[in-house]
Amino acid sequence: MAPTTDTSRRENIAAHSKALQQELRELVDVVGPANLADLLLERAFQLQATDVHLDPSENGLRIRLRIDGVLHDVLLLPKEMTAHMVSRVKLMANMDITERRLAQDGHIAAATLKHQRDVRVGSGPTIYGERLVLRLMPDARSFTQIEELGFLEEQLDQVHRILASPSGSLLSVGPVGSGKSTTLYACLEILNDPTRSLVTIEDPVERRIPGVNQIQVDPKIDFGFVEALRGVLRQDPNVMMIGEIRDSEAAHIACRAGLTGITVLSTIHGNDTAASIDVFREFGIPAMFIADSLQGLIAQRLVRKVCPDCRITTNPDPAECQFLGVDPAQASTVQLATGTGCDRCFHTGHRGRTGLFEVMVLDRELRMAILHGKGHAEIMALARSKGMLTLEDVAKRKILAGVTSISEIHRVLVSEPA
């Protein structure tokens, strides 16, 4: 049995979307457009979506769900219902329904939804009206342990070694939506014990952790990361998690904290581990502070797993053998997994996600390379010579283990700029 082509897979997605569209339309006829938002959110939670997009267009309100990192069309709401839908969501999120010209941020509490997960709402004007994006906060009960995230065994040992350091910084590196915060929360669980004072500074607080003092920044009252950092440093912390290092001042404070006996966890945007060192340089951090404060770096991506219900296996072709480093003569002994598409996986062939990780532990040689101003390529080469597995190395291992597919790795990694 051969896997379906990309064209047939898109047709399957479209067919499933039509079924969901019909379901929602029937519910609208029963409950009215004002309550469609409640029903849509409940359906999004059931499908384990991470975001709901409400995009105005010339023909109506386009509704999409992001599932496993990919957006799917589910409904085009008629123009006459658009205002009801947008107003309903804004009311739930305590936003100003009369203000349509400026961007707004809102929050739908779990109590409002009778659900254990909050929703963050952002609005903004477009040429066809207001656009809303709803971010469904992660389930606090899932992915709490670092062993659940997808690290390879040797990488888990490296992360535990970094966290065992009495001070210094551990940075999680990657683009938006790559699971950086989830990784930091799992690290916090390892460090969370009564002998330590743990504080987080977040925007927003994505999950609540007993035993940790969590701070929500609020730019509306000029209480941002920098202001919160200054206050926390006077409150005797042992471990400090900074949701994101966004600017030079926050980077300087975080580095100084790591040098004064505090364990600092934070995220930063970058393509790989060595790229974050370049970001710190761009922030104007002296090489000595970077080298002395950093204990380790974790670059990561999220990839979709092959659906277990429609999973089939095939042997790699010559091009796939070349990509995976497999001897073509041994291709018949290698099995690659792919999904044909079914109702359980929204007809994508993938269900659920796992992480790809690149863990760089800073040792004496790497610190000296930073001090001497070595570039990205030289630092990566040195780390690889010491056994570091790159994101692509880990991706190939997971393909050969049948966890994910080559097409998914190409979507997430290979299509990225070098």
Protein backbone atom coordinates (compact mmCIF):
# COMPACT_ATOMS: atom_id res chain seq x y z
CA MET A 1 0.00 0.00 0.00
CA ALA A 2 1.55 3.28 -1.10
CA PRO A 3 1.28 6.49 0.92
CA THR A 4 -1.16 9.10 -0.32
CA THR A 5 0.22 12.01 -2.35
CA ASP A 6 0.27 15.57 -1.06
CA THR A 7 -2.68 16.35 -3.34
CA SER A 8 -4.86 13.56 -2.00
CA ARG A 9 -3.86 14.47 1.56
CA ARG A 10 -5.01 18.05 1.00
CA GLU A 11 -8.27 16.68 -0.41
CA ASN A 12 -8.71 14.58 2.73
CA ILE A 13 -8.14 17.63 4.92
CA ALA A 14 -10.68 19.57 2.88
CA ALA A 15 -13.24 16.77 3.23
CA HIS A 16 -12.77 16.66 7.00
CA SER A 17 -13.01 20.46 7.19
CA LYS A 18 -16.34 20.35 5.33
CA ALA A 19 -17.68 17.87 7.87
CA LEU A 20 -16.61 20.12 10.73
CA GLN A 21 -18.04 23.15 8.92
CA GLN A 22 -21.40 21.39 8.57
CA GLU A 23 -21.34 20.47 12.24
CA LEU A 24 -20.72 24.07 13.30
CA ARG A 25 -23.35 25.43 10.93
CA GLU A 26 -25.95 23.07 12.38
CA LEU A 27 -25.03 24.21 15.88
CA VAL A 28 -25.36 27.86 14.82
CA ASP A 29 -28.90 27.15 13.64
CA VAL A 30 -29.69 25.73 17.08
CA VAL A 31 -27.94 28.10 19.48
CA GLY A 32 -27.49 31.28 17.41
CA PRO A 33 -24.33 33.06 16.34
CA ALA A 34 -23.64 34.68 19.73
CA ASN A 35 -22.77 31.31 21.31
CA LEU A 36 -20.73 29.98 18.39
CA ALA A 37 -17.52 31.18 20.08
CA ASP A 38 -18.18 28.93 23.09
CA LEU A 39 -18.79 25.93 20.84
CA LEU A 40 -15.80 26.66 18.65
CA LEU A 41 -13.49 26.89 21.66
CA GLU A 42 -14.79 23.63 23.07
CA ARG A 43 -14.20 21.96 19.70
CA ALA A 44 -10.70 23.47 19.54
CA PHE A 45 -9.88 22.02 22.97
CA GLN A 46 -11.15 18.60 21.87
CA LEU A 47 -8.95 18.69 18.77
CA GLN A 48 -5.96 19.80 20.89
CA ALA A 49 -5.56 22.98 18.85
CA THR A 50 -3.09 25.58 20.08
CA ASP A 51 -4.56 28.61 18.28
CA VAL A 52 -7.84 29.78 16.74
CA HIS A 53 -7.63 32.36 13.94
CA LEU A 54 -10.62 34.55 13.07
CA ASP A 55 -9.64 36.36 9.87
CA PRO A 56 -12.06 38.81 8.22
CA SER A 57 -12.33 38.68 4.43
CA GLU A 58 -14.46 40.10 1.67
CA ASN A 59 -16.77 37.09 1.86
CA GLY A 60 -17.05 36.66 5.63
CA LEU A 61 -15.07 35.53 8.67
CA ARG A 62 -12.52 32.80 7.94
CA ILE A 63 -12.05 30.48 10.94
CA ARG A 64 -8.95 28.32 11.21
CA LEU A 65 -7.49 26.02 13.86
CA ARG A 66 -3.78 25.40 14.37
CA ILE A 67 -3.35 21.72 15.15
CA ASP A 68 0.12 20.23 15.65
CA GLY A 69 1.61 23.45 14.32
CA VAL A 70 -0.37 23.55 11.05
CA LEU A 71 -3.38 25.78 10.29
CA HIS A 72 -6.58 24.15 8.96
CA ASP A 73 -9.62 25.90 7.51
CA VAL A 74 -12.77 24.83 9.33
CA LEU A 75 -15.44 27.42 8.52
CA LEU A 76 -16.22 30.55 6.53
CA LEU A 77 -18.78 32.40 8.62
CA PRO A 78 -21.22 34.55 6.60
CA LYS A 79 -20.62 38.31 6.74
CA GLU A 80 -23.86 38.93 8.64
CA MET A 81 -22.60 36.77 11.54
CA THR A 82 -19.10 38.26 11.71
CA ALA A 83 -19.92 41.14 14.05
CA HIS A 84 -21.72 38.81 16.49
CA MET A 85 -18.75 36.43 16.59
CA VAL A 86 -16.11 39.12 17.07
CA SER A 87 -18.12 40.94 19.75
CA ARG A 88 -18.78 37.72 21.63
CA VAL A 89 -15.08 36.85 21.82
CA LYS A 90 -14.09 40.39 22.82
CA LEU A 91 -16.70 40.44 25.57
CA MET A 92 -15.45 37.10 26.91
CA ALA A 93 -11.90 38.50 26.89
CA ASN A 94 -12.87 41.78 28.64
CA MET A 95 -11.86 43.85 25.61
CA ASP A 96 -13.36 47.13 24.42
CA ILE A 97 -15.89 46.13 21.76
CA THR A 98 -16.27 49.74 20.59
CA GLU A 99 -12.56 50.09 19.73
CA ARG A 100 -11.88 48.58 16.32
CA ARG A 101 -9.02 50.76 15.10
CA LEU A 102 -6.24 49.71 17.51
CA ALA A 103 -4.70 46.41 18.55
CA GLN A 104 -5.90 45.03 21.88
CA ASP A 105 -4.96 42.16 24.18
CA GLY A 106 -7.46 40.19 26.23
CA HIS A 107 -7.77 37.14 28.43
CA ILE A 108 -10.51 34.55 28.77
CA ALA A 109 -10.18 32.89 32.17
CA ALA A 110 -10.56 29.15 32.67
CA ALA A 111 -13.51 29.83 34.99
CA THR A 112 -15.39 31.55 32.17
CA LEU A 113 -14.88 28.53 29.92
CA LYS A 114 -15.60 25.98 32.68
CA HIS A 115 -12.27 24.50 31.63
CA GLN A 116 -8.85 24.26 33.21
CA ARG A 117 -7.07 26.24 30.48
CA ASP A 118 -6.96 29.98 29.88
CA VAL A 119 -7.14 31.64 26.47
CA ARG A 120 -5.15 34.73 25.40
CA VAL A 121 -6.79 36.91 22.78
CA GLY A 122 -5.18 39.45 20.47
CA SER A 123 -7.06 41.74 18.09
CA GLY A 124 -5.98 44.08 15.33
CA PRO A 125 -7.47 46.02 12.41
CA THR A 126 -7.37 44.81 8.79
CA ILE A 127 -8.87 46.27 5.62
CA TYR A 128 -11.91 43.99 6.06
CA GLY A 129 -12.41 44.52 9.79
CA GLU A 130 -11.04 43.21 13.06
CA ARG A 131 -8.90 40.10 13.16
CA LEU A 132 -8.74 37.95 16.31
CA VAL A 133 -6.22 35.28 17.26
CA LEU A 134 -6.91 33.13 20.29
CA ARG A 135 -3.99 31.32 21.94
CA LEU A 136 -5.09 28.28 23.92
CA MET A 137 -2.79 27.92 26.92
CA PRO A 138 -1.21 24.47 27.33
CA ASP A 139 -2.70 21.85 29.61
CA ALA A 140 -0.87 22.17 32.93
CA ARG A 141 -1.12 18.41 33.45
CA SER A 142 0.77 17.42 30.30
CA PHE A 143 4.47 17.57 29.45
CA THR A 144 5.51 18.44 33.00
CA GLN A 145 8.44 16.01 33.11
CA ILE A 146 11.51 16.54 30.96
CA GLU A 147 11.49 12.86 29.96
CA GLU A 148 8.19 13.43 28.10
CA LEU A 149 9.52 16.08 25.72
CA GLY A 150 11.56 13.99 23.27
CA PHE A 151 15.16 14.38 24.46
CA LEU A 152 17.51 11.53 23.57
CA GLU A 153 18.95 9.68 26.55
CA GLU A 154 22.41 11.26 26.28
CA GLN A 155 20.81 14.71 25.98
CA LEU A 156 18.80 14.17 29.17
CA ASP A 157 22.05 13.46 31.01
CA GLN A 158 23.51 16.70 29.64
CA VAL A 159 20.49 18.77 30.73
CA HIS A 160 20.60 17.31 34.24
CA ARG A 161 24.31 18.13 34.38
CA ILE A 162 23.64 21.75 33.39
CA LEU A 163 20.86 22.08 35.98
CA ALA A 164 23.11 20.65 38.68
CA SER A 165 25.37 23.71 38.38
CA PRO A 166 24.94 25.98 41.43
CA SER A 167 24.58 29.09 39.25
CA GLY A 168 24.68 30.34 35.69
CA SER A 169 22.24 30.45 32.79
CA LEU A 170 20.45 27.83 30.71
CA LEU A 171 18.85 29.22 27.55
CA SER A 172 16.18 27.58 25.41
CA VAL A 173 16.58 28.72 21.79
CA GLY A 174 14.16 28.53 18.87
CA PRO A 175 11.46 30.30 16.87
CA VAL A 176 7.98 31.15 18.15
CA GLY A 177 5.95 28.02 18.87
CA SER A 178 8.89 25.64 19.19
CA GLY A 179 8.10 24.59 22.77
CA LYS A 180 10.72 26.68 24.58
CA SER A 181 8.47 27.57 27.53
CA THR A 182 7.42 23.94 27.98
CA THR A 183 11.09 22.95 28.21
CA LEU A 184 11.75 25.62 30.85
CA TYR A 185 8.74 24.53 32.90
CA ALA A 186 10.06 20.96 32.86
CA CYS A 187 13.46 22.26 34.03
CA LEU A 188 11.74 24.19 36.81
CA GLU A 189 10.09 20.96 37.98
CA ILE A 190 13.56 19.45 38.41
CA LEU A 191 14.78 22.45 40.43
CA ASN A 192 11.58 22.91 42.44
CA ASP A 193 12.18 21.86 46.04
CA PRO A 194 11.57 23.55 49.43
CA THR A 195 15.25 24.42 49.93
CA ARG A 196 15.19 26.87 46.99
CA SER A 197 13.42 30.13 46.28
CA LEU A 198 12.06 29.96 42.72
CA VAL A 199 10.66 32.97 40.87
CA THR A 200 9.37 33.32 37.30
CA ILE A 201 8.77 36.47 35.25
CA GLU A 202 6.40 35.71 32.39
CA ASP A 203 4.23 37.23 29.69
CA PRO A 204 1.85 35.49 29.99
CA VAL A 205 1.98 32.95 32.84
CA GLU A 206 1.21 29.83 30.82
CA ARG A 207 0.88 27.27 33.61
CA ARG A 208 0.75 27.50 37.38
CA ILE A 209 3.36 25.58 39.37
CA PRO A 210 2.93 24.97 43.13
CA GLY A 211 5.94 26.16 45.11
CA VAL A 212 7.02 28.73 42.51
CA ASN A 213 6.45 32.49 42.80
CA GLN A 214 5.15 33.49 39.37
CA ILE A 215 5.02 37.10 38.21
CA GLN A 216 2.95 38.41 35.30
CA VAL A 217 4.46 41.45 33.59
CA ASP A 218 2.14 44.26 32.55
CA PRO A 219 3.52 46.75 30.01
CA LYS A 220 0.36 48.87 30.39
CA ILE A 221 1.63 50.06 33.78
CA ASP A 222 5.32 50.05 32.72
CA PHE A 223 5.99 46.81 34.58
CA GLY A 224 7.99 44.87 32.00
CA PHE A 225 10.69 42.23 32.21
CA VAL A 226 13.42 44.70 33.18
CA GLU A 227 11.36 46.26 36.00
CA ALA A 228 10.35 42.83 37.31
CA LEU A 229 13.95 41.58 37.11
CA ARG A 230 15.25 44.44 39.19
CA GLY A 231 12.65 43.76 41.86
CA VAL A 232 13.20 40.00 41.93
CA LEU A 233 16.97 40.35 42.36
CA ARG A 234 16.28 42.05 45.72
CA GLN A 235 14.10 39.14 46.89
CA ASP A 236 16.74 36.46 47.55
CA PRO A 237 16.05 34.11 44.60
CA ASN A 238 17.93 30.86 44.01
CA VAL A 239 16.32 30.11 40.66
CA MET A 240 14.89 32.71 38.30
CA MET A 241 13.03 31.99 35.08
CA ILE A 242 12.68 34.87 32.62
CA GLY A 243 10.00 34.21 30.03
CA GLU A 244 12.02 35.81 27.25
CA ILE A 245 15.15 37.92 26.89
CA ARG A 246 13.94 40.60 24.50
CA ASP A 247 16.44 43.42 24.78
CA SER A 248 19.92 44.44 25.81
CA GLU A 249 19.01 45.55 29.33
CA ALA A 250 17.26 42.30 30.21
CA ALA A 251 20.23 40.36 28.76
CA HIS A 252 22.71 42.32 30.89
CA ILE A 253 20.67 41.76 34.07
CA ALA A 254 20.26 38.05 33.34
CA CYS A 255 24.01 37.63 32.77
CA ARG A 256 24.85 39.48 35.99
CA ALA A 257 22.35 37.33 37.91
CA GLY A 258 23.98 34.18 36.58
CA LEU A 259 27.35 35.46 37.76
CA THR A 260 26.13 36.23 41.29
CA GLY A 261 25.04 32.74 42.31
CA ILE A 262 21.55 32.54 40.77
CA THR A 263 20.39 29.83 38.36
CA VAL A 264 18.77 31.63 35.43
CA LEU A 265 16.46 29.98 32.92
CA SER A 266 15.25 31.89 29.90
CA THR A 267 14.32 31.77 26.21
CA ILE A 268 15.71 33.61 23.25
CA HIS A 269 14.95 33.59 19.53
CA GLY A 270 17.55 31.91 17.34
CA ASN A 271 18.07 29.11 14.82
CA ASP A 272 20.48 26.99 16.86
CA THR A 273 22.58 26.96 20.01
CA ALA A 274 25.52 28.96 18.65
CA ALA A 275 23.16 31.58 17.18
CA SER A 276 22.10 32.65 20.68
CA ILE A 277 25.70 33.58 21.45
CA ASP A 278 25.61 35.92 18.46
CA VAL A 279 22.36 37.43 19.81
CA PHE A 280 24.05 38.18 23.14
CA ARG A 281 26.92 39.79 21.28
CA GLU A 282 24.46 41.96 19.37
CA PHE A 283 22.97 42.99 22.71
CA GLY A 284 26.41 44.32 23.64
CA ILE A 285 27.20 41.75 26.35
CA PRO A 286 30.98 41.49 26.90
CA ALA A 287 32.43 38.16 25.77
CA MET A 288 33.72 37.50 29.32
CA PHE A 289 30.18 37.77 30.76
CA ILE A 290 28.74 35.48 28.07
CA ALA A 291 31.43 32.85 28.61
CA ASP A 292 31.24 32.95 32.41
CA SER A 293 27.48 33.13 32.88
CA LEU A 294 26.26 30.55 30.34
CA GLN A 295 26.15 26.93 31.50
CA GLY A 296 24.26 25.48 28.57
CA LEU A 297 22.06 26.07 25.55
CA ILE A 298 19.13 24.05 24.20
CA ALA A 299 17.93 24.67 20.64
CA GLN A 300 14.65 23.05 19.73
CA ARG A 301 11.87 22.49 17.22
CA LEU A 302 8.54 20.66 17.36
CA VAL A 303 7.77 18.03 14.74
CA ARG A 304 4.61 16.06 14.18
CA LYS A 305 4.66 12.33 14.92
CA VAL A 306 3.36 9.75 12.45
CA CYS A 307 -0.24 8.86 13.27
CA PRO A 308 -0.31 5.37 14.86
CA ASP A 309 -3.77 4.59 13.40
CA CYS A 310 -2.94 5.08 9.70
CA ARG A 311 0.77 4.34 9.88
CA ILE A 312 2.48 2.38 7.07
CA THR A 313 6.14 1.70 6.38
CA THR A 314 8.20 1.95 3.18
CA ASN A 315 11.83 1.49 2.19
CA PRO A 316 13.85 4.65 1.47
CA ASP A 317 14.52 5.63 -2.14
CA PRO A 318 18.05 6.74 -3.26
CA ALA A 319 17.43 10.42 -2.40
CA GLU A 320 16.13 9.51 1.06
CA CYS A 321 19.12 7.22 1.60
CA GLN A 322 21.45 10.09 0.78
CA PHE A 323 19.66 12.44 3.20
CA LEU A 324 19.67 9.88 6.01
CA GLY A 325 23.21 8.65 5.41
CA VAL A 326 22.00 5.13 4.65
CA ASP A 327 23.88 2.84 2.29
CA PRO A 328 21.53 2.34 -0.71
CA ALA A 329 22.52 -1.32 -0.73
CA GLN A 330 20.96 -1.62 2.74
CA ALA A 331 17.74 0.25 1.85
CA SER A 332 15.64 -2.93 1.95
CA THR A 333 16.52 -3.37 5.64
CA VAL A 334 15.45 0.16 6.60
CA GLN A 335 11.80 1.04 7.19
CA LEU A 336 10.49 4.60 7.17
CA ALA A 337 7.10 5.44 8.64
CA THR A 338 4.43 7.63 7.11
CA GLY A 339 0.72 8.16 7.66
CA THR A 340 -1.97 7.78 4.99
CA GLY A 341 -4.49 10.04 6.75
CA CYS A 342 -7.53 9.13 8.86
CA ASP A 343 -10.25 10.75 10.97
CA ARG A 344 -8.12 10.48 14.11
CA CYS A 345 -5.34 12.67 12.66
CA PHE A 346 -7.50 15.19 10.76
CA HIS A 347 -6.41 13.34 7.60
CA THR A 348 -2.85 14.68 7.82
CA GLY A 349 -1.02 11.42 8.52
CA HIS A 350 0.40 12.97 11.71
CA ARG A 351 -0.90 13.13 15.27
CA GLY A 352 0.79 14.68 18.27
CA ARG A 353 4.20 16.30 18.41
CA THR A 354 7.62 15.65 19.86
CA GLY A 355 10.70 17.78 20.28
CA LEU A 356 13.97 17.85 18.38
CA PHE A 357 16.76 19.11 20.63
CA GLU A 358 20.34 20.32 20.27
CA VAL A 359 22.10 20.56 23.64
CA MET A 360 25.36 22.48 24.00
CA VAL A 361 27.13 22.18 27.35
CA LEU A 362 29.65 24.98 27.85
CA ASP A 363 33.07 23.58 28.82
CA ARG A 364 36.45 25.28 29.07
CA GLU A 365 37.25 25.06 25.34
CA LEU A 366 33.89 26.46 24.26
CA ARG A 367 34.19 29.28 26.79
CA MET A 368 37.63 30.14 25.41
CA ALA A 369 36.19 30.14 21.86
CA ILE A 370 33.57 32.67 22.99
CA LEU A 371 36.19 34.79 24.76
CA HIS A 372 38.32 34.86 21.59
CA GLY A 373 35.35 35.98 19.49
CA LYS A 374 35.03 32.81 17.41
CA GLY A 375 32.16 32.84 14.94
CA HIS A 376 29.02 30.74 14.64
CA ALA A 377 30.53 28.08 12.34
CA GLU A 378 33.65 27.62 14.48
CA ILE A 379 31.69 27.26 17.71
CA MET A 380 29.30 24.75 16.11
CA ALA A 381 32.20 22.74 14.69
CA LEU A 382 33.95 22.67 18.08
CA ALA A 383 30.75 21.57 19.86
CA ARG A 384 30.14 18.82 17.27
CA SER A 385 33.73 17.60 17.69
CA LYS A 386 32.87 17.12 21.37
CA GLY A 387 29.86 14.96 20.51
CA MET A 388 27.03 17.49 20.33
CA LEU A 389 24.13 16.27 18.18
CA THR A 390 22.66 18.97 15.93
CA LEU A 391 18.95 19.35 15.26
CA GLU A 392 19.42 17.60 11.92
CA ASP A 393 21.33 14.72 13.54
CA VAL A 394 18.48 14.17 16.00
CA ALA A 395 15.88 14.50 13.25
CA LYS A 396 17.51 11.71 11.24
CA ARG A 397 17.55 9.47 14.29
CA LYS A 398 13.84 10.03 14.85
CA ILE A 399 13.05 9.30 11.20
CA LEU A 400 14.97 6.01 11.36
CA ALA A 401 13.21 5.17 14.64
CA GLY A 402 9.82 5.65 12.94
CA VAL A 403 8.79 8.53 15.19
CA THR A 404 8.34 11.12 12.44
CA SER A 405 8.53 11.31 8.64
CA ILE A 406 11.01 12.76 6.17
CA SER A 407 8.34 15.11 4.80
CA GLU A 408 7.79 16.54 8.28
CA ILE A 409 11.52 17.11 8.83
CA HIS A 410 11.74 18.86 5.46
CA ARG A 411 8.82 21.09 6.47
CA VAL A 412 10.36 22.07 9.81
CA LEU A 413 14.11 21.97 9.26
CA VAL A 414 15.37 21.53 5.71
CA SER A 415 13.29 24.38 4.29
CA GLU A 416 14.83 26.78 6.84
CA PRO A 417 17.67 29.05 5.74
CA ALA A 418 21.12 27.83 6.65
